[in-house]
Amino acid sequence: MAKLKVSELKQHLKSYSNENLIRLIVELSKTSKEAQNFLAAEVQGEAAVAELHEEAKTQIQDEFFPRKGEPKLRLSQAKKAISNFTKFTGNQFLKTDLMLYYVELGTEFTVANGDIDGPFYYSLATMFDQVADACNRDERLYQQLSERLEAVVLNARGIGWDYPDNLADSYYSIEWLDEEE
C-alpha cells in the first residue's frame, strides 16, 4: 500500500467542500477506535479527555491487578495505553500521571507478590525517570505529584534488582526537592 504524504493529503483536502470534509471525517471515525478516540478528544474536549484517562488507567491496572483472572504483566500493553492516551489527547499532565500510576502499580504488585525480574524493574525505573524529568521541567507538575513520587520511592524499599536505588536517584535529581528543605 502506498503511503499518503501529509503534503499530498493537505493539497487534496483543499479541493473538498465543507460537506465532503464532514463526510470524510465521519467515515474516518468509523474506521477504528483510535480515530474515534482522537476525534472525541478534539470535539468533546475535557470530558472526553477525562474518560480516556480513566480508560487508560483501567487498562494499566488490568495488567497488574485485573478485575477478573490472573495478572498478565504485559508491560507493553500498559505502556501502549499511555502512548495511545497521549496520541489522542496531547495532555502532558495526565500522561505523566499515567506514567507514575504505572510505576506505582508495578511497585505495589511486587510488594504484594514478591520479586519479578530485571527487565520488569528496568521498565518501571525508566518510566519513573521520565516522570522525574517531567517534574524537573515543571514545578507545578512536581507539586501536584510530589506526595505520590515520595510514596513510590518509600514503597520500593526492600525490592531487589537495584530498583529502590534507581528510583531514589531519579527522585533526588528533581531540583524542586532542594527548595522544600
C-alpha atoms as a PDB file:
ATOM      1  CA  MET A   1       0.000   0.000   0.000  1.00  0.00           C
ATOM      2  CA  ALA A   2       1.327   3.419  -0.941  1.00  0.00           C
ATOM      3  CA  LYS A   3       1.819   5.839   1.916  1.00  0.00           C
ATOM      4  CA  LEU A   4      -0.049   9.103   1.572  1.00  0.00           C
ATOM      5  CA  LYS A   5       2.206  12.053   2.326  1.00  0.00           C
ATOM      6  CA  VAL A   6       0.812  14.805   4.553  1.00  0.00           C
ATOM      7  CA  SER A   7       1.513  17.408   1.872  1.00  0.00           C
ATOM      8  CA  GLU A   8      -0.470  15.357  -0.682  1.00  0.00           C
ATOM      9  CA  LEU A   9      -3.342  14.947   1.762  1.00  0.00           C
ATOM     10  CA  LYS A  10      -3.456  18.672   2.529  1.00  0.00           C
ATOM     11  CA  GLN A  11      -3.440  19.550  -1.146  1.00  0.00           C
ATOM     12  CA  HIS A  12      -6.237  17.114  -1.876  1.00  0.00           C
ATOM     13  CA  LEU A  13      -8.372  18.220   1.088  1.00  0.00           C
ATOM     14  CA  LYS A  14      -8.198  21.845  -0.035  1.00  0.00           C
ATOM     15  CA  SER A  15     -10.339  20.892  -3.023  1.00  0.00           C
ATOM     16  CA  TYR A  16     -13.084  19.398  -0.804  1.00  0.00           C
ATOM     17  CA  SER A  17     -16.248  21.268   0.074  1.00  0.00           C
ATOM     18  CA  ASN A  18     -17.240  21.525   3.743  1.00  0.00           C
ATOM     19  CA  GLU A  19     -19.889  18.883   3.126  1.00  0.00           C
ATOM     20  CA  ASN A  20     -17.339  16.466   1.678  1.00  0.00           C
ATOM     21  CA  LEU A  21     -14.892  17.149   4.526  1.00  0.00           C
ATOM     22  CA  ILE A  22     -17.616  16.361   7.050  1.00  0.00           C
ATOM     23  CA  ARG A  23     -18.497  13.147   5.230  1.00  0.00           C
ATOM     24  CA  LEU A  24     -14.818  12.121   5.105  1.00  0.00           C
ATOM     25  CA  ILE A  25     -14.266  12.763   8.815  1.00  0.00           C
ATOM     26  CA  VAL A  26     -17.415  10.870   9.755  1.00  0.00           C
ATOM     27  CA  GLU A  27     -16.304   7.919   7.634  1.00  0.00           C
ATOM     28  CA  LEU A  28     -12.823   8.095   9.141  1.00  0.00           C
ATOM     29  CA  SER A  29     -14.326   7.947  12.636  1.00  0.00           C
ATOM     30  CA  LYS A  30     -15.949   4.639  11.716  1.00  0.00           C
ATOM     31  CA  THR A  31     -12.650   3.027  10.702  1.00  0.00           C
ATOM     32  CA  SER A  32     -11.125   2.491  14.147  1.00  0.00           C
ATOM     33  CA  LYS A  33     -11.472   3.032  17.875  1.00  0.00           C
ATOM     34  CA  GLU A  34      -8.287   5.107  17.712  1.00  0.00           C
ATOM     35  CA  ALA A  35      -9.854   7.519  15.212  1.00  0.00           C
ATOM     36  CA  GLN A  36     -12.991   7.732  17.382  1.00  0.00           C
ATOM     37  CA  ASN A  37     -10.910   8.497  20.493  1.00  0.00           C
ATOM     38  CA  PHE A  38      -8.857  11.155  18.731  1.00  0.00           C
ATOM     39  CA  LEU A  39     -11.961  12.864  17.364  1.00  0.00           C
ATOM     40  CA  ALA A  40     -13.776  12.598  20.705  1.00  0.00           C
ATOM     41  CA  ALA A  41     -10.906  14.373  22.466  1.00  0.00           C
ATOM     42  CA  GLU A  42     -10.915  17.053  19.784  1.00  0.00           C
ATOM     43  CA  VAL A  43     -14.694  17.565  19.668  1.00  0.00           C
ATOM     44  CA  GLN A  44     -15.800  16.850  23.243  1.00  0.00           C
ATOM     45  CA  GLY A  45     -12.769  18.369  24.967  1.00  0.00           C
ATOM     46  CA  GLU A  46     -12.100  17.832  28.655  1.00  0.00           C
ATOM     47  CA  ALA A  47     -14.987  15.417  29.194  1.00  0.00           C
ATOM     48  CA  ALA A  48     -13.587  13.028  26.589  1.00  0.00           C
ATOM     49  CA  VAL A  49     -10.035  13.513  27.880  1.00  0.00           C
ATOM     50  CA  ALA A  50     -11.171  12.583  31.409  1.00  0.00           C
ATOM     51  CA  GLU A  51     -12.943   9.488  30.073  1.00  0.00           C
ATOM     52  CA  LEU A  52      -9.914   8.443  28.014  1.00  0.00           C
ATOM     53  CA  HIS A  53      -7.703   8.966  31.088  1.00  0.00           C
ATOM     54  CA  GLU A  54      -9.899   6.649  33.176  1.00  0.00           C
ATOM     55  CA  GLU A  55      -9.933   4.097  30.364  1.00  0.00           C
ATOM     56  CA  ALA A  56      -6.118   4.151  30.185  1.00  0.00           C
ATOM     57  CA  LYS A  57      -5.862   3.787  33.977  1.00  0.00           C
ATOM     58  CA  THR A  58      -8.132   0.741  33.802  1.00  0.00           C
ATOM     59  CA  GLN A  59      -6.017  -0.799  31.031  1.00  0.00           C
ATOM     60  CA  ILE A  60      -2.855  -0.279  33.098  1.00  0.00           C
ATOM     61  CA  GLN A  61      -4.464  -1.629  36.257  1.00  0.00           C
ATOM     62  CA  ASP A  62      -5.732  -4.722  34.442  1.00  0.00           C
ATOM     63  CA  GLU A  63      -2.163  -5.748  33.623  1.00  0.00           C
ATOM     64  CA  PHE A  64      -1.179  -5.746  37.315  1.00  0.00           C
ATOM     65  CA  PHE A  65      -4.438  -6.219  39.231  1.00  0.00           C
ATOM     66  CA  PRO A  66      -7.144  -7.366  36.808  1.00  0.00           C
ATOM     67  CA  ARG A  67     -10.791  -7.348  37.786  1.00  0.00           C
ATOM     68  CA  LYS A  68     -11.009 -10.955  36.552  1.00  0.00           C
ATOM     69  CA  GLY A  69      -8.398 -13.641  36.197  1.00  0.00           C
ATOM     70  CA  GLU A  70      -4.692 -13.598  36.833  1.00  0.00           C
ATOM     71  CA  PRO A  71      -2.309 -10.691  36.190  1.00  0.00           C
ATOM     72  CA  LYS A  72      -0.703 -10.835  32.766  1.00  0.00           C
ATOM     73  CA  LEU A  73       2.029  -8.257  33.446  1.00  0.00           C
ATOM     74  CA  ARG A  74       2.159  -7.278  29.777  1.00  0.00           C
ATOM     75  CA  LEU A  75       4.124  -4.114  30.342  1.00  0.00           C
ATOM     76  CA  SER A  76       3.968  -3.341  26.630  1.00  0.00           C
ATOM     77  CA  GLN A  77       0.162  -3.206  26.862  1.00  0.00           C
ATOM     78  CA  ALA A  78       0.279  -0.882  29.860  1.00  0.00           C
ATOM     79  CA  LYS A  79       2.775   1.380  28.071  1.00  0.00           C
ATOM     80  CA  LYS A  80       0.621   1.290  24.940  1.00  0.00           C
ATOM     81  CA  ALA A  81      -2.316   2.615  26.981  1.00  0.00           C
ATOM     82  CA  ILE A  82      -0.157   5.588  27.992  1.00  0.00           C
ATOM     83  CA  SER A  83       1.085   6.116  24.454  1.00  0.00           C
ATOM     84  CA  ASN A  84      -2.411   5.972  22.968  1.00  0.00           C
ATOM     85  CA  PHE A  85      -3.772   8.372  25.561  1.00  0.00           C
ATOM     86  CA  THR A  86      -1.027  10.850  24.702  1.00  0.00           C
ATOM     87  CA  LYS A  87      -1.595  10.421  20.978  1.00  0.00           C
ATOM     88  CA  PHE A  88      -5.339  11.055  21.335  1.00  0.00           C
ATOM     89  CA  THR A  89      -5.201  13.974  23.760  1.00  0.00           C
ATOM     90  CA  GLY A  90      -1.741  15.509  23.929  1.00  0.00           C
ATOM     91  CA  ASN A  91      -2.382  16.160  27.640  1.00  0.00           C
ATOM     92  CA  GLN A  92       1.098  16.097  29.194  1.00  0.00           C
ATOM     93  CA  PHE A  93      -0.005  16.356  32.824  1.00  0.00           C
ATOM     94  CA  LEU A  94      -2.346  13.363  32.576  1.00  0.00           C
ATOM     95  CA  LYS A  95       0.271  11.458  30.569  1.00  0.00           C
ATOM     96  CA  THR A  96       2.720  11.941  33.444  1.00  0.00           C
ATOM     97  CA  ASP A  97       0.009  10.934  35.906  1.00  0.00           C
ATOM     98  CA  LEU A  98      -0.471   7.667  33.972  1.00  0.00           C
ATOM     99  CA  MET A  99       3.271   7.047  33.852  1.00  0.00           C
ATOM    100  CA  LEU A 100       3.515   7.428  37.617  1.00  0.00           C
ATOM    101  CA  TYR A 101       0.445   5.208  38.043  1.00  0.00           C
ATOM    102  CA  TYR A 102       2.243   2.510  36.014  1.00  0.00           C
ATOM    103  CA  VAL A 103       5.230   2.680  38.392  1.00  0.00           C
ATOM    104  CA  GLU A 104       3.003   2.733  41.464  1.00  0.00           C
ATOM    105  CA  LEU A 105       1.129  -0.381  40.374  1.00  0.00           C
ATOM    106  CA  GLY A 106       4.316  -2.215  39.377  1.00  0.00           C
ATOM    107  CA  THR A 107       5.811  -1.455  42.771  1.00  0.00           C
ATOM    108  CA  GLU A 108       2.612  -2.423  44.580  1.00  0.00           C
ATOM    109  CA  PHE A 109       2.476  -5.665  42.595  1.00  0.00           C
ATOM    110  CA  THR A 110       5.995  -6.590  43.685  1.00  0.00           C
ATOM    111  CA  VAL A 111       5.292  -5.760  47.331  1.00  0.00           C
ATOM    112  CA  ALA A 112       2.169  -7.957  47.206  1.00  0.00           C
ATOM    113  CA  ASN A 113       3.563 -10.850  45.144  1.00  0.00           C
ATOM    114  CA  GLY A 114       7.339 -10.940  45.528  1.00  0.00           C
ATOM    115  CA  ASP A 115      10.277 -10.269  43.256  1.00  0.00           C
ATOM    116  CA  ILE A 116       9.868 -10.324  39.459  1.00  0.00           C
ATOM    117  CA  ASP A 117      12.920  -9.867  37.193  1.00  0.00           C
ATOM    118  CA  GLY A 118      15.431  -7.333  35.899  1.00  0.00           C
ATOM    119  CA  PRO A 119      13.559  -6.250  32.740  1.00  0.00           C
ATOM    120  CA  PHE A 120      10.418  -5.630  34.807  1.00  0.00           C
ATOM    121  CA  TYR A 121      12.243  -3.281  37.186  1.00  0.00           C
ATOM    122  CA  TYR A 122      14.189  -1.660  34.360  1.00  0.00           C
ATOM    123  CA  SER A 123      10.887  -0.756  32.694  1.00  0.00           C
ATOM    124  CA  LEU A 124       9.473   0.697  35.905  1.00  0.00           C
ATOM    125  CA  ALA A 125      12.660   2.615  36.726  1.00  0.00           C
ATOM    126  CA  THR A 126      12.893   4.023  33.202  1.00  0.00           C
ATOM    127  CA  MET A 127       9.296   5.210  33.398  1.00  0.00           C
ATOM    128  CA  PHE A 128       9.916   6.766  36.824  1.00  0.00           C
ATOM    129  CA  ASP A 129      12.967   8.540  35.426  1.00  0.00           C
ATOM    130  CA  GLN A 130      10.764  10.065  32.702  1.00  0.00           C
ATOM    131  CA  VAL A 131       8.300  11.222  35.362  1.00  0.00           C
ATOM    132  CA  ALA A 132      11.142  12.805  37.355  1.00  0.00           C
ATOM    133  CA  ASP A 133      12.394  14.562  34.199  1.00  0.00           C
ATOM    134  CA  ALA A 134       8.906  15.926  33.524  1.00  0.00           C
ATOM    135  CA  CYS A 135       8.711  17.173  37.109  1.00  0.00           C
ATOM    136  CA  ASN A 136      12.100  18.843  36.733  1.00  0.00           C
ATOM    137  CA  ARG A 137      10.754  20.804  33.771  1.00  0.00           C
ATOM    138  CA  ASP A 138       7.527  21.866  35.513  1.00  0.00           C
ATOM    139  CA  GLU A 139       7.431  22.825  39.181  1.00  0.00           C
ATOM    140  CA  ARG A 140       3.614  22.868  39.195  1.00  0.00           C
ATOM    141  CA  LEU A 141       3.576  19.285  37.951  1.00  0.00           C
ATOM    142  CA  TYR A 142       6.054  18.332  40.665  1.00  0.00           C
ATOM    143  CA  GLN A 143       3.895  19.993  43.329  1.00  0.00           C
ATOM    144  CA  GLN A 144       0.845  18.025  42.189  1.00  0.00           C
ATOM    145  CA  LEU A 145       2.682  14.685  42.146  1.00  0.00           C
ATOM    146  CA  SER A 146       5.213  15.166  44.974  1.00  0.00           C
ATOM    147  CA  GLU A 147       3.467  13.012  47.586  1.00  0.00           C
ATOM    148  CA  ARG A 148       2.985  10.142  45.141  1.00  0.00           C
ATOM    149  CA  LEU A 149       6.602  10.395  43.959  1.00  0.00           C
ATOM    150  CA  GLU A 150       7.912  10.157  47.511  1.00  0.00           C
ATOM    151  CA  ALA A 151       5.498   7.330  48.376  1.00  0.00           C
ATOM    152  CA  VAL A 152       6.591   5.124  45.474  1.00  0.00           C
ATOM    153  CA  VAL A 153      10.255   5.600  46.415  1.00  0.00           C
ATOM    154  CA  LEU A 154       9.473   4.605  50.001  1.00  0.00           C
ATOM    155  CA  ASN A 155       7.324   1.643  48.908  1.00  0.00           C
ATOM    156  CA  ALA A 156      10.159   0.311  46.733  1.00  0.00           C
ATOM    157  CA  ARG A 157      12.447  -0.260  49.711  1.00  0.00           C
ATOM    158  CA  GLY A 158      13.268  -3.912  50.089  1.00  0.00           C
ATOM    159  CA  ILE A 159      12.771  -4.768  46.421  1.00  0.00           C
ATOM    160  CA  GLY A 160      15.780  -6.248  44.631  1.00  0.00           C
ATOM    161  CA  TRP A 161      17.499  -5.569  41.311  1.00  0.00           C
ATOM    162  CA  ASP A 162      18.737  -2.110  42.478  1.00  0.00           C
ATOM    163  CA  TYR A 163      15.211  -0.890  41.872  1.00  0.00           C
ATOM    164  CA  PRO A 164      14.954   1.256  45.040  1.00  0.00           C
ATOM    165  CA  ASP A 165      18.324   2.885  44.297  1.00  0.00           C
ATOM    166  CA  ASN A 166      17.315   3.667  40.717  1.00  0.00           C
ATOM    167  CA  LEU A 167      14.084   5.284  41.864  1.00  0.00           C
ATOM    168  CA  ALA A 168      15.865   7.238  44.592  1.00  0.00           C
ATOM    169  CA  ASP A 169      18.480   8.513  42.116  1.00  0.00           C
ATOM    170  CA  SER A 170      15.751   9.804  39.825  1.00  0.00           C
ATOM    171  CA  TYR A 171      13.729  11.224  42.694  1.00  0.00           C
ATOM    172  CA  TYR A 172      16.613  13.098  44.285  1.00  0.00           C
ATOM    173  CA  SER A 173      17.565  14.579  40.912  1.00  0.00           C
ATOM    174  CA  ILE A 174      14.384  16.689  40.982  1.00  0.00           C
ATOM    175  CA  GLU A 175      15.585  20.226  41.582  1.00  0.00           C
ATOM    176  CA  TRP A 176      12.423  21.328  43.389  1.00  0.00           C
ATOM    177  CA  LEU A 177      13.252  18.998  46.302  1.00  0.00           C
ATOM    178  CA  ASP A 178      16.079  21.298  47.356  1.00  0.00           C
ATOM    179  CA  GLU A 179      13.683  24.218  47.614  1.00  0.00           C
ATOM    180  CA  GLU A 180      11.395  22.310  50.000  1.00  0.00           C
ATOM    181  CA  GLU A 181      14.126  21.598  52.522  1.00  0.00           C
END
